[in-house]
Amino acid sequence: MAMNQSDIVQMIKEAIPDAEVQIEDLRGDGDHYAAYVRSAEFEGKTRVQQHQMVYKALQGRMGNELHALALQTSVPETA
């Protein structure tokens, strides 16, 4: 069962409200996505911790509705 891009964005934004989220469907099949997530909430966290925050936001859908997610996270640049 495939997952809609807008559902992925919504789930991430609900868990990480300030997140800037971009999703790319890598194969056009709704199962393989790349996600780019930027949030100030990632400040001071390791890359692994940042990714765990995003996976937690997806509420167990990784490996089920969402087969593959190439994930990149970052902290917004400060002026």
Protein backbone atom coordinates (compact mmCIF):
# COMPACT_ATOMS: atom_id res chain seq x y z
CA MET A 1 0.00 0.00 0.00
CA ALA A 2 1.49 3.32 -1.11
CA MET A 3 1.59 6.52 0.91
CA ASN A 4 0.66 9.97 -0.40
CA GLN A 5 3.31 12.72 -0.38
CA SER A 6 0.97 15.19 1.29
CA ASP A 7 0.28 12.69 4.10
CA ILE A 8 4.01 12.37 4.76
CA VAL A 9 4.41 16.16 4.90
CA GLN A 10 1.40 16.54 7.18
CA MET A 11 2.60 13.89 9.63
CA ILE A 12 6.07 15.42 9.86
CA LYS A 13 4.68 18.94 10.32
CA GLU A 14 2.29 17.76 13.04
CA ALA A 15 5.19 16.28 15.01
CA ILE A 16 7.73 19.00 14.15
CA PRO A 17 5.64 22.17 13.61
CA ASP A 18 8.45 24.44 12.37
CA ALA A 19 9.73 21.88 9.86
CA GLU A 20 10.31 22.80 6.26
CA VAL A 21 9.57 19.60 4.35
CA GLN A 22 10.21 18.69 0.74
CA ILE A 23 9.24 15.26 -0.57
CA GLU A 24 10.31 13.72 -3.87
CA ASP A 25 8.76 10.51 -5.24
CA LEU A 26 11.85 8.71 -6.51
CA ARG A 27 10.12 6.07 -8.66
CA GLY A 28 6.61 7.41 -9.15
CA ASP A 29 5.20 4.44 -7.24
CA GLY A 30 4.32 6.09 -3.91
CA ASP A 31 6.64 3.69 -2.09
CA HIS A 32 10.10 5.22 -2.56
CA TYR A 33 10.59 8.80 -1.44
CA ALA A 34 13.36 11.25 -0.64
CA ALA A 35 12.59 13.67 2.18
CA TYR A 36 14.41 16.88 3.01
CA VAL A 37 13.49 18.16 6.47
CA ARG A 38 14.83 21.34 8.05
CA SER A 39 13.93 22.32 11.60
CA ALA A 40 15.33 24.38 14.46
CA GLU A 41 14.25 21.49 16.71
CA PHE A 42 17.20 19.53 15.28
CA GLU A 43 19.65 22.00 16.87
CA GLY A 44 22.15 20.17 19.11
CA LYS A 45 20.95 16.72 18.04
CA THR A 46 23.01 14.15 16.19
CA ARG A 47 22.00 13.16 12.67
CA VAL A 48 20.72 9.86 14.06
CA GLN A 49 18.55 11.68 16.62
CA GLN A 50 17.21 13.98 13.90
CA HIS A 51 16.27 11.01 11.73
CA GLN A 52 14.65 9.28 14.70
CA MET A 53 12.45 12.35 15.21
CA VAL A 54 11.25 12.13 11.60
CA TYR A 55 10.68 8.36 11.77
CA LYS A 56 8.72 8.80 15.00
CA ALA A 57 6.56 11.40 13.22
CA LEU A 58 5.66 8.75 10.63
CA GLN A 59 4.04 6.67 13.40
CA GLY A 60 5.30 3.23 12.39
CA ARG A 61 4.50 3.57 8.70
CA MET A 62 8.13 3.03 7.67
CA GLY A 63 8.42 -0.48 6.27
CA ASN A 64 4.65 -0.74 5.88
CA GLU A 65 2.84 1.88 3.78
CA LEU A 66 6.15 3.64 3.22
CA HIS A 67 8.70 1.20 1.84
CA ALA A 68 11.77 3.43 1.47
CA LEU A 69 12.69 6.95 2.58
CA ALA A 70 16.00 8.58 1.71
CA LEU A 71 16.17 11.15 4.49
CA GLN A 72 18.22 14.33 4.77
CA THR A 73 17.85 16.60 7.78
CA SER A 74 19.33 19.98 8.64
CA VAL A 75 19.11 22.95 10.96
CA PRO A 76 18.17 26.35 9.44
CA GLU A 77 21.10 28.70 8.96
CA THR A 78 21.17 31.64 11.33
CA ALA A 79 21.69 35.13 10.01
